[in-house]
Amino acid sequence: MTAKNTATSKSNSKTNSATNSAHTMDSDVAHPVSDKLADSLHHTVDGLHSTAAQAEEALRTKSGESTTAIKAQSRLLRQKWNNSSVKQYASENPVKAAGVAFTAGALLTLFLRKK
């Protein structure tokens, strides 16, 4: 009985593959407009993929360069701040520095407030 089922399933698979291949040929002939549209869309997506890949690569390169430049600028600013007289004054006179900062903020708010 197993040999009979195997023979039947082989026969069915041959019939199904013949039917599928005939169906595929029929669908190519029966849908020429949609097939052309699908091909066109595939080419468009492939073109977008290459353009997007180039843009991504350029962004990654620029990002790396920007990161390096920002780190260098940060180090330079930190060095300038550590050597500045403003930092020295603020360290020696923290209460006066806080008073000056508060007064400056209040005056700026007063002048820049819209009525």
N, C-alpha and C. Protein backbone atom coordinates (compact mmCIF):
# COMPACT_ATOMS: atom_id res chain seq x y z
N MET A 1 0.83 -1.19 0.00
CA MET A 1 0.00 0.00 0.00
C MET A 1 0.87 1.25 0.00
N THR A 2 2.01 1.20 0.63
CA THR A 2 2.92 2.33 0.67
C THR A 2 3.48 2.63 -0.71
N ALA A 3 3.80 1.58 -1.46
CA ALA A 3 4.31 1.77 -2.81
C ALA A 3 3.26 2.44 -3.69
N LYS A 4 2.00 2.07 -3.50
CA LYS A 4 0.93 2.67 -4.27
C LYS A 4 0.78 4.15 -3.94
N ASN A 5 0.87 4.53 -2.63
CA ASN A 5 0.77 5.93 -2.22
C ASN A 5 1.94 6.74 -2.76
N THR A 6 3.14 6.15 -2.76
CA THR A 6 4.32 6.84 -3.27
C THR A 6 4.18 7.10 -4.76
N ALA A 7 3.72 6.09 -5.49
CA ALA A 7 3.53 6.24 -6.93
C ALA A 7 2.48 7.31 -7.22
N THR A 8 1.40 7.31 -6.43
CA THR A 8 0.35 8.30 -6.62
C THR A 8 0.85 9.69 -6.32
N SER A 9 1.63 9.84 -5.24
CA SER A 9 2.11 11.18 -4.90
C SER A 9 3.12 11.67 -5.92
N LYS A 10 3.96 10.78 -6.50
CA LYS A 10 4.89 11.18 -7.56
C LYS A 10 4.11 11.63 -8.79
N SER A 11 3.06 10.90 -9.10
CA SER A 11 2.24 11.24 -10.25
C SER A 11 1.57 12.59 -10.04
N ASN A 12 1.06 12.83 -8.81
CA ASN A 12 0.42 14.11 -8.50
C ASN A 12 1.41 15.26 -8.54
N SER A 13 2.62 15.03 -8.05
CA SER A 13 3.60 16.12 -8.07
C SER A 13 4.02 16.46 -9.49
N LYS A 14 4.12 15.45 -10.36
CA LYS A 14 4.44 15.74 -11.76
C LYS A 14 3.32 16.53 -12.40
N THR A 15 2.08 16.16 -12.11
CA THR A 15 0.93 16.87 -12.66
C THR A 15 0.89 18.29 -12.14
N ASN A 16 1.15 18.47 -10.82
CA ASN A 16 1.14 19.81 -10.23
C ASN A 16 2.25 20.68 -10.81
N SER A 17 3.44 20.13 -11.01
CA SER A 17 4.53 20.94 -11.55
C SER A 17 4.25 21.30 -13.00
N ALA A 18 3.65 20.40 -13.76
CA ALA A 18 3.30 20.71 -15.14
C ALA A 18 2.22 21.78 -15.17
N THR A 19 1.26 21.67 -14.25
CA THR A 19 0.19 22.66 -14.18
C THR A 19 0.76 24.02 -13.76
N ASN A 20 1.66 24.01 -12.76
CA ASN A 20 2.27 25.27 -12.30
C ASN A 20 3.09 25.93 -13.39
N SER A 21 3.85 25.14 -14.14
CA SER A 21 4.67 25.74 -15.19
C SER A 21 3.78 26.26 -16.32
N ALA A 22 2.69 25.57 -16.63
CA ALA A 22 1.74 26.06 -17.64
C ALA A 22 1.06 27.32 -17.12
N HIS A 23 0.74 27.35 -15.83
CA HIS A 23 0.11 28.51 -15.22
C HIS A 23 1.06 29.70 -15.26
N THR A 24 2.34 29.47 -15.00
CA THR A 24 3.33 30.54 -15.04
C THR A 24 3.44 31.11 -16.43
N MET A 25 3.46 30.26 -17.44
CA MET A 25 3.52 30.74 -18.82
C MET A 25 2.26 31.52 -19.16
N ASP A 26 1.10 31.01 -18.72
CA ASP A 26 -0.15 31.70 -18.98
C ASP A 26 -0.19 33.06 -18.29
N SER A 27 0.35 33.13 -17.05
CA SER A 27 0.30 34.40 -16.33
C SER A 27 1.22 35.42 -16.98
N ASP A 28 2.36 34.99 -17.57
CA ASP A 28 3.23 35.91 -18.27
C ASP A 28 2.53 36.48 -19.49
N VAL A 29 1.80 35.64 -20.17
CA VAL A 29 1.09 36.07 -21.37
C VAL A 29 -0.17 36.85 -21.00
N ALA A 30 -0.83 36.45 -19.95
CA ALA A 30 -2.11 37.05 -19.58
C ALA A 30 -1.95 38.41 -18.91
N HIS A 31 -0.75 38.74 -18.38
CA HIS A 31 -0.58 39.99 -17.64
C HIS A 31 0.65 40.76 -18.11
N PRO A 32 0.73 41.10 -19.37
CA PRO A 32 1.94 41.77 -19.86
C PRO A 32 2.13 43.17 -19.27
N VAL A 33 1.05 43.91 -19.04
CA VAL A 33 1.16 45.26 -18.51
C VAL A 33 1.65 45.23 -17.07
N SER A 34 1.04 44.37 -16.26
CA SER A 34 1.46 44.30 -14.87
C SER A 34 2.88 43.75 -14.74
N ASP A 35 3.27 42.85 -15.64
CA ASP A 35 4.64 42.34 -15.62
C ASP A 35 5.65 43.43 -15.97
N LYS A 36 5.32 44.26 -16.96
CA LYS A 36 6.20 45.37 -17.31
C LYS A 36 6.28 46.37 -16.16
N LEU A 37 5.15 46.63 -15.53
CA LEU A 37 5.13 47.53 -14.38
C LEU A 37 5.98 46.98 -13.25
N ALA A 38 5.85 45.69 -12.99
CA ALA A 38 6.64 45.07 -11.92
C ALA A 38 8.13 45.16 -12.24
N ASP A 39 8.52 44.91 -13.48
CA ASP A 39 9.93 45.02 -13.87
C ASP A 39 10.42 46.46 -13.70
N SER A 40 9.60 47.40 -14.11
CA SER A 40 9.98 48.81 -13.98
C SER A 40 10.17 49.19 -12.51
N LEU A 41 9.25 48.73 -11.68
CA LEU A 41 9.35 49.03 -10.25
C LEU A 41 10.58 48.36 -9.63
N HIS A 42 10.90 47.16 -10.06
CA HIS A 42 12.10 46.47 -9.56
C HIS A 42 13.35 47.26 -9.93
N HIS A 43 13.42 47.76 -11.17
CA HIS A 43 14.58 48.55 -11.59
C HIS A 43 14.67 49.85 -10.79
N THR A 44 13.52 50.47 -10.54
CA THR A 44 13.50 51.71 -9.77
C THR A 44 14.00 51.48 -8.36
N VAL A 45 13.53 50.41 -7.73
CA VAL A 45 13.96 50.10 -6.36
C VAL A 45 15.45 49.79 -6.33
N ASP A 46 15.94 49.08 -7.33
CA ASP A 46 17.38 48.79 -7.39
C ASP A 46 18.18 50.08 -7.51
N GLY A 47 17.70 51.02 -8.31
CA GLY A 47 18.38 52.31 -8.44
C GLY A 47 18.34 53.09 -7.15
N LEU A 48 17.20 53.07 -6.47
CA LEU A 48 17.10 53.75 -5.17
C LEU A 48 18.04 53.12 -4.15
N HIS A 49 18.16 51.81 -4.21
CA HIS A 49 19.04 51.11 -3.27
C HIS A 49 20.48 51.59 -3.43
N SER A 50 20.96 51.68 -4.66
CA SER A 50 22.35 52.10 -4.85
C SER A 50 22.54 53.56 -4.44
N THR A 51 21.56 54.41 -4.74
CA THR A 51 21.65 55.82 -4.35
C THR A 51 21.63 55.96 -2.83
N ALA A 52 20.74 55.21 -2.18
CA ALA A 52 20.66 55.27 -0.72
C ALA A 52 21.93 54.73 -0.08
N ALA A 53 22.52 53.70 -0.67
CA ALA A 53 23.76 53.14 -0.13
C ALA A 53 24.89 54.18 -0.22
N GLN A 54 24.97 54.90 -1.33
CA GLN A 54 25.99 55.93 -1.47
C GLN A 54 25.76 57.07 -0.47
N ALA A 55 24.51 57.46 -0.29
CA ALA A 55 24.19 58.53 0.65
C ALA A 55 24.52 58.10 2.08
N GLU A 56 24.21 56.85 2.41
CA GLU A 56 24.52 56.35 3.75
C GLU A 56 26.03 56.36 3.98
N GLU A 57 26.79 55.93 3.01
CA GLU A 57 28.24 55.91 3.13
C GLU A 57 28.79 57.33 3.33
N ALA A 58 28.27 58.29 2.56
CA ALA A 58 28.71 59.68 2.69
C ALA A 58 28.36 60.23 4.07
N LEU A 59 27.16 59.93 4.55
CA LEU A 59 26.75 60.40 5.88
C LEU A 59 27.63 59.81 6.98
N ARG A 60 27.94 58.53 6.86
CA ARG A 60 28.80 57.90 7.86
C ARG A 60 30.19 58.53 7.86
N THR A 61 30.72 58.83 6.68
CA THR A 61 32.04 59.47 6.59
C THR A 61 32.00 60.85 7.21
N LYS A 62 31.00 61.66 6.85
CA LYS A 62 30.88 63.01 7.39
C LYS A 62 30.66 62.98 8.89
N SER A 63 29.89 62.01 9.36
CA SER A 63 29.63 61.88 10.79
C SER A 63 30.92 61.60 11.54
N GLY A 64 31.74 60.72 11.01
CA GLY A 64 33.02 60.43 11.65
C GLY A 64 33.92 61.65 11.68
N GLU A 65 33.96 62.40 10.57
CA GLU A 65 34.77 63.62 10.52
C GLU A 65 34.24 64.66 11.50
N SER A 66 32.91 64.80 11.59
CA SER A 66 32.31 65.76 12.51
C SER A 66 32.61 65.40 13.95
N THR A 67 32.52 64.13 14.27
CA THR A 67 32.80 63.67 15.63
C THR A 67 34.23 64.02 16.02
N THR A 68 35.16 63.79 15.11
CA THR A 68 36.56 64.10 15.38
C THR A 68 36.74 65.60 15.60
N ALA A 69 36.11 66.42 14.75
CA ALA A 69 36.23 67.87 14.85
C ALA A 69 35.60 68.38 16.16
N ILE A 70 34.46 67.82 16.54
CA ILE A 70 33.79 68.26 17.77
C ILE A 70 34.62 67.90 18.99
N LYS A 71 35.21 66.71 18.99
CA LYS A 71 36.06 66.32 20.12
C LYS A 71 37.27 67.24 20.24
N ALA A 72 37.89 67.59 19.11
CA ALA A 72 39.04 68.49 19.13
C ALA A 72 38.63 69.87 19.65
N GLN A 73 37.48 70.37 19.19
CA GLN A 73 36.99 71.68 19.63
C GLN A 73 36.67 71.65 21.12
N SER A 74 36.10 70.56 21.58
CA SER A 74 35.77 70.42 23.00
C SER A 74 37.03 70.46 23.87
N ARG A 75 38.07 69.75 23.43
CA ARG A 75 39.33 69.77 24.18
C ARG A 75 39.91 71.19 24.23
N LEU A 76 39.86 71.90 23.10
CA LEU A 76 40.39 73.25 23.03
C LEU A 76 39.62 74.18 23.97
N LEU A 77 38.29 74.09 23.95
CA LEU A 77 37.47 74.93 24.83
C LEU A 77 37.72 74.62 26.30
N ARG A 78 37.87 73.33 26.62
CA ARG A 78 38.15 72.94 28.00
C ARG A 78 39.50 73.51 28.47
N GLN A 79 40.50 73.48 27.59
CA GLN A 79 41.81 74.05 27.94
C GLN A 79 41.69 75.56 28.16
N LYS A 80 40.97 76.24 27.27
CA LYS A 80 40.80 77.69 27.42
C LYS A 80 40.06 78.03 28.71
N TRP A 81 39.02 77.25 29.02
CA TRP A 81 38.25 77.49 30.25
C TRP A 81 39.11 77.27 31.48
N ASN A 82 39.89 76.20 31.48
CA ASN A 82 40.74 75.92 32.64
C ASN A 82 41.79 77.00 32.86
N ASN A 83 42.22 77.67 31.80
CA ASN A 83 43.24 78.72 31.91
C ASN A 83 42.64 80.13 31.99
N SER A 84 41.32 80.25 31.98
CA SER A 84 40.70 81.58 31.93
C SER A 84 40.65 82.25 33.30
N SER A 85 40.64 83.56 33.26
CA SER A 85 40.56 84.33 34.50
C SER A 85 39.14 84.28 35.08
N VAL A 86 38.14 84.05 34.22
CA VAL A 86 36.75 83.95 34.69
C VAL A 86 36.60 82.73 35.60
N LYS A 87 37.16 81.61 35.20
CA LYS A 87 37.08 80.40 36.03
C LYS A 87 37.81 80.63 37.35
N GLN A 88 38.94 81.28 37.28
CA GLN A 88 39.72 81.55 38.50
C GLN A 88 38.91 82.43 39.45
N TYR A 89 38.28 83.49 38.92
CA TYR A 89 37.47 84.39 39.75
C TYR A 89 36.27 83.64 40.34
N ALA A 90 35.60 82.82 39.51
CA ALA A 90 34.43 82.07 39.98
C ALA A 90 34.82 81.06 41.05
N SER A 91 36.01 80.48 40.97
CA SER A 91 36.47 79.52 41.98
C SER A 91 36.80 80.24 43.29
N GLU A 92 37.39 81.42 43.17
CA GLU A 92 37.78 82.15 44.37
C GLU A 92 36.59 82.86 45.02
N ASN A 93 35.61 83.27 44.24
CA ASN A 93 34.46 84.04 44.75
C ASN A 93 33.16 83.43 44.23
N PRO A 94 32.76 82.27 44.71
CA PRO A 94 31.57 81.62 44.15
C PRO A 94 30.26 82.38 44.41
N VAL A 95 30.13 83.03 45.56
CA VAL A 95 28.88 83.73 45.87
C VAL A 95 28.75 84.96 44.97
N LYS A 96 29.84 85.71 44.80
CA LYS A 96 29.80 86.89 43.93
C LYS A 96 29.51 86.46 42.48
N ALA A 97 30.12 85.37 42.03
CA ALA A 97 29.90 84.89 40.66
C ALA A 97 28.44 84.49 40.45
N ALA A 98 27.85 83.84 41.45
CA ALA A 98 26.43 83.46 41.35
C ALA A 98 25.55 84.70 41.32
N GLY A 99 25.89 85.73 42.11
CA GLY A 99 25.12 86.98 42.13
C GLY A 99 25.20 87.69 40.79
N VAL A 100 26.39 87.72 40.21
CA VAL A 100 26.57 88.37 38.90
C VAL A 100 25.78 87.61 37.84
N ALA A 101 25.83 86.29 37.87
CA ALA A 101 25.10 85.48 36.87
C ALA A 101 23.59 85.68 37.02
N PHE A 102 23.10 85.72 38.26
CA PHE A 102 21.67 85.91 38.49
C PHE A 102 21.23 87.29 37.99
N THR A 103 22.01 88.32 38.31
CA THR A 103 21.67 89.68 37.89
C THR A 103 21.68 89.80 36.37
N ALA A 104 22.69 89.22 35.74
CA ALA A 104 22.76 89.26 34.27
C ALA A 104 21.55 88.55 33.66
N GLY A 105 21.16 87.41 34.20
CA GLY A 105 19.99 86.68 33.70
C GLY A 105 18.71 87.47 33.88
N ALA A 106 18.57 88.12 35.04
CA ALA A 106 17.36 88.91 35.29
C ALA A 106 17.28 90.09 34.33
N LEU A 107 18.42 90.76 34.10
CA LEU A 107 18.42 91.90 33.17
C LEU A 107 18.11 91.46 31.74
N LEU A 108 18.70 90.35 31.32
CA LEU A 108 18.42 89.85 29.96
C LEU A 108 16.94 89.50 29.81
N THR A 109 16.38 88.88 30.83
CA THR A 109 14.96 88.52 30.78
C THR A 109 14.10 89.78 30.70
N LEU A 110 14.47 90.78 31.46
CA LEU A 110 13.73 92.03 31.47
C LEU A 110 13.76 92.72 30.11
N PHE A 111 14.92 92.72 29.47
CA PHE A 111 15.07 93.40 28.18
C PHE A 111 14.46 92.58 27.02
N LEU A 112 14.52 91.29 27.11
CA LEU A 112 14.08 90.45 25.99
C LEU A 112 12.61 90.01 26.09
N ARG A 113 11.98 90.28 27.22
CA ARG A 113 10.58 89.87 27.38
C ARG A 113 9.69 90.66 26.44
N LYS A 114 8.79 89.97 25.78
CA LYS A 114 7.83 90.63 24.87
C LYS A 114 6.59 91.03 25.66
N LYS A 115 6.12 92.22 25.39
CA LYS A 115 4.92 92.68 26.11
C LYS A 115 3.70 92.57 25.27
